[in-house]
C-alpha atoms as a PDB file:
ATOM      1  CA  MET A   1       0.007   0.048   0.013  1.00  0.00           C
ATOM      2  CA  ARG A   2       2.817   2.420   0.920  1.00  0.00           C
ATOM      3  CA  LEU A   3       4.428   1.747  -2.550  1.00  0.00           C
ATOM      4  CA  ARG A   4       1.153   2.550  -4.310  1.00  0.00           C
ATOM      5  CA  ARG A   5       0.865   5.883  -2.560  1.00  0.00           C
ATOM      6  CA  ARG A   6       4.512   6.679  -3.405  1.00  0.00           C
ATOM      7  CA  LEU A   7       3.791   5.756  -7.075  1.00  0.00           C
ATOM      8  CA  ARG A   8       0.858   8.129  -7.275  1.00  0.00           C
ATOM      9  CA  ARG A   9       2.844  10.889  -5.532  1.00  0.00           C
ATOM     10  CA  THR A  10       6.088  10.575  -7.637  1.00  0.00           C
ATOM     11  CA  GLY A  11       4.541   9.535 -10.926  1.00  0.00           C
ATOM     12  CA  ARG A  12       7.033   6.759 -11.427  1.00  0.00           C
ATOM     13  CA  SER A  13       6.294   3.882 -13.775  1.00  0.00           C
ATOM     14  CA  PRO A  14       5.308   0.718 -11.880  1.00  0.00           C
ATOM     15  CA  LEU A  15       8.187  -1.302 -13.251  1.00  0.00           C
ATOM     16  CA  ALA A  16      10.826   1.328 -12.398  1.00  0.00           C
ATOM     17  CA  ALA A  17       9.273   1.718  -8.922  1.00  0.00           C
ATOM     18  CA  CYS A  18       9.324  -2.031  -8.338  1.00  0.00           C
ATOM     19  CA  LEU A  19      12.883  -2.418  -9.364  1.00  0.00           C
ATOM     20  CA  TYR A  20      13.900   0.567  -7.270  1.00  0.00           C
ATOM     21  CA  SER A  21      11.791  -0.632  -4.360  1.00  0.00           C
ATOM     22  CA  ASP A  22      13.452  -4.051  -4.432  1.00  0.00           C
ATOM     23  CA  TYR A  23      16.907  -2.401  -4.584  1.00  0.00           C
ATOM     24  CA  VAL A  24      16.462  -0.097  -1.580  1.00  0.00           C
ATOM     25  CA  GLY A  25      14.533  -2.593   0.421  1.00  0.00           C
ATOM     26  CA  ASP A  26      11.072  -0.934   0.561  1.00  0.00           C
ATOM     27  CA  VAL A  27       9.691  -4.454  -0.245  1.00  0.00           C
ATOM     28  CA  HIS A  28      11.059  -6.642   2.514  1.00  0.00           C
ATOM     29  CA  SER A  29      11.857 -10.165   1.278  1.00  0.00           C
ATOM     30  CA  PRO A  30      14.207 -12.819   2.676  1.00  0.00           C
ATOM     31  CA  GLU A  31      16.824 -11.850   0.034  1.00  0.00           C
ATOM     32  CA  SER A  32      16.727  -8.100   0.601  1.00  0.00           C
ATOM     33  CA  PRO A  33      19.448  -6.568   2.744  1.00  0.00           C
ATOM     34  CA  MET A  34      18.828  -5.644   6.362  1.00  0.00           C
ATOM     35  CA  PRO A  35      18.883  -1.873   7.100  1.00  0.00           C
ATOM     36  CA  ARG A  36      22.175  -0.725   8.432  1.00  0.00           C
ATOM     37  CA  PRO A  37      22.447   1.431  11.612  1.00  0.00           C
ATOM     38  CA  ARG A  38      22.325   5.194  11.048  1.00  0.00           C
ATOM     39  CA  VAL A  39      25.225   7.494  11.801  1.00  0.00           C
ATOM     40  CA  ARG A  40      25.089  11.242  12.388  1.00  0.00           C
ATOM     41  CA  LYS A  41      26.697  13.435   9.794  1.00  0.00           C
ATOM     42  CA  ASN A  42      27.016  17.219   9.555  1.00  0.00           C
ATOM     43  CA  LEU A  43      26.903  18.342   5.987  1.00  0.00           C
ATOM     44  CA  ARG A  44      27.106  21.714   4.346  1.00  0.00           C
ATOM     45  CA  LEU A  45      24.643  21.483   1.366  1.00  0.00           C
ATOM     46  CA  ASN A  46      23.206  23.967  -1.051  1.00  0.00           C
ATOM     47  CA  GLN A  47      19.620  24.573   0.227  1.00  0.00           C
ATOM     48  CA  ALA A  48      18.216  25.279  -3.186  1.00  0.00           C
ATOM     49  CA  LYS A  49      19.501  21.931  -4.479  1.00  0.00           C
ATOM     50  CA  LEU A  50      18.213  20.162  -1.394  1.00  0.00           C
ATOM     51  CA  ASP A  51      14.739  21.805  -1.764  1.00  0.00           C
ATOM     52  CA  ARG A  52      14.627  20.844  -5.465  1.00  0.00           C
ATOM     53  CA  ALA A  53      15.610  17.217  -4.738  1.00  0.00           C
ATOM     54  CA  ARG A  54      13.001  17.086  -2.013  1.00  0.00           C
ATOM     55  CA  ARG A  55      10.249  18.284  -4.395  1.00  0.00           C
ATOM     56  CA  ILE A  56      11.337  15.888  -7.139  1.00  0.00           C
ATOM     57  CA  LEU A  57      11.631  12.800  -4.899  1.00  0.00           C
ATOM     58  CA  GLY A  58       8.499  13.722  -2.960  1.00  0.00           C
ATOM     59  CA  THR A  59      10.107  13.164   0.432  1.00  0.00           C
ATOM     60  CA  ALA A  60       8.933  14.546   3.713  1.00  0.00           C
ATOM     61  CA  THR A  61      12.228  15.407   5.377  1.00  0.00           C
ATOM     62  CA  GLU A  62      15.710  16.543   4.297  1.00  0.00           C
ATOM     63  CA  THR A  63      17.191  13.324   5.820  1.00  0.00           C
ATOM     64  CA  GLU A  64      14.882  11.155   3.768  1.00  0.00           C
ATOM     65  CA  THR A  65      15.813  13.272   0.661  1.00  0.00           C
ATOM     66  CA  VAL A  66      19.532  12.662   1.220  1.00  0.00           C
ATOM     67  CA  GLU A  67      19.049   8.982   1.874  1.00  0.00           C
ATOM     68  CA  GLN A  68      16.830   8.479  -1.140  1.00  0.00           C
ATOM     69  CA  ALA A  69      19.269  10.377  -3.383  1.00  0.00           C
ATOM     70  CA  LEU A  70      22.143   8.291  -2.175  1.00  0.00           C
ATOM     71  CA  ASP A  71      20.085   5.116  -2.829  1.00  0.00           C
ATOM     72  CA  LEU A  72      19.339   6.401  -6.365  1.00  0.00           C
ATOM     73  CA  VAL A  73      23.129   6.958  -7.028  1.00  0.00           C
ATOM     74  CA  ALA A  74      23.909   3.450  -5.874  1.00  0.00           C
ATOM     75  CA  PHE A  75      20.984   1.942  -7.956  1.00  0.00           C
ATOM     76  CA  HIS A  76      22.142   3.920 -11.032  1.00  0.00           C
ATOM     77  CA  GLU A  77      25.694   2.543 -10.658  1.00  0.00           C
ATOM     78  CA  GLU A  78      24.505  -1.027 -10.233  1.00  0.00           C
ATOM     79  CA  ALA A  79      22.058  -0.729 -13.237  1.00  0.00           C
ATOM     80  CA  SER A  80      24.693   0.855 -15.478  1.00  0.00           C
ATOM     81  CA  SER A  81      27.321  -1.815 -14.653  1.00  0.00           C
ATOM     82  CA  GLY A  82      24.731  -4.518 -15.287  1.00  0.00           C
ATOM     83  CA  VAL A  83      23.915  -3.069 -18.670  1.00  0.00           C
ATOM     84  CA  ARG A  84      27.611  -2.767 -19.565  1.00  0.00           C
ATOM     85  CA  ARG A  85      28.157  -6.356 -18.565  1.00  0.00           C
ATOM     86  CA  LEU A  86      25.104  -7.496 -20.545  1.00  0.00           C
ATOM     87  CA  ALA A  87      26.156  -5.459 -23.590  1.00  0.00           C
ATOM     88  CA  GLY A  88      29.535  -7.153 -23.543  1.00  0.00           C
ATOM     89  CA  SER A  89      28.099 -10.665 -23.363  1.00  0.00           C
ATOM     90  CA  LYS A  90      26.715 -12.721 -26.214  1.00  0.00           C
ATOM     91  CA  ILE A  91      23.206 -12.703 -24.775  1.00  0.00           C
ATOM     92  CA  LEU A  92      22.459  -9.424 -26.705  1.00  0.00           C
ATOM     93  CA  ARG A  93      23.253  -9.441 -30.326  1.00  0.00           C
ATOM     94  CA  ASP A  94      22.769  -6.802 -32.952  1.00  0.00           C
ATOM     95  CA  PRO A  95      20.029  -8.010 -35.329  1.00  0.00           C
ATOM     96  CA  PHE A  96      21.467  -5.761 -38.067  1.00  0.00           C
ATOM     97  CA  ALA A  97      25.076  -6.906 -37.718  1.00  0.00           C
ATOM     98  CA  ARG A  98      26.506  -8.825 -40.668  1.00  0.00           C
ATOM     99  CA  GLY A  99      27.826 -12.288 -40.157  1.00  0.00           C
END
């Protein structure tokens, strides 16, 4: 139910939301990682950028904004490296390639 509300609020596609939810652990399953303990950090951030990210992500607090942005960076790197590995494998082939 929480995911459905977040989908409506953020306007994400269901597939992207499900992939992202599985990655960050919104959907708790036996194979999803356990949350790690939080640590206190003092950061000097540009308030305009933080406000913009908060609006885009639809988060309630600045802490939630930073955490979700960090999750998105990690997800982006993991997805990019997966696509690079897949592109280098013989699983994907160019249908227009000769030979």
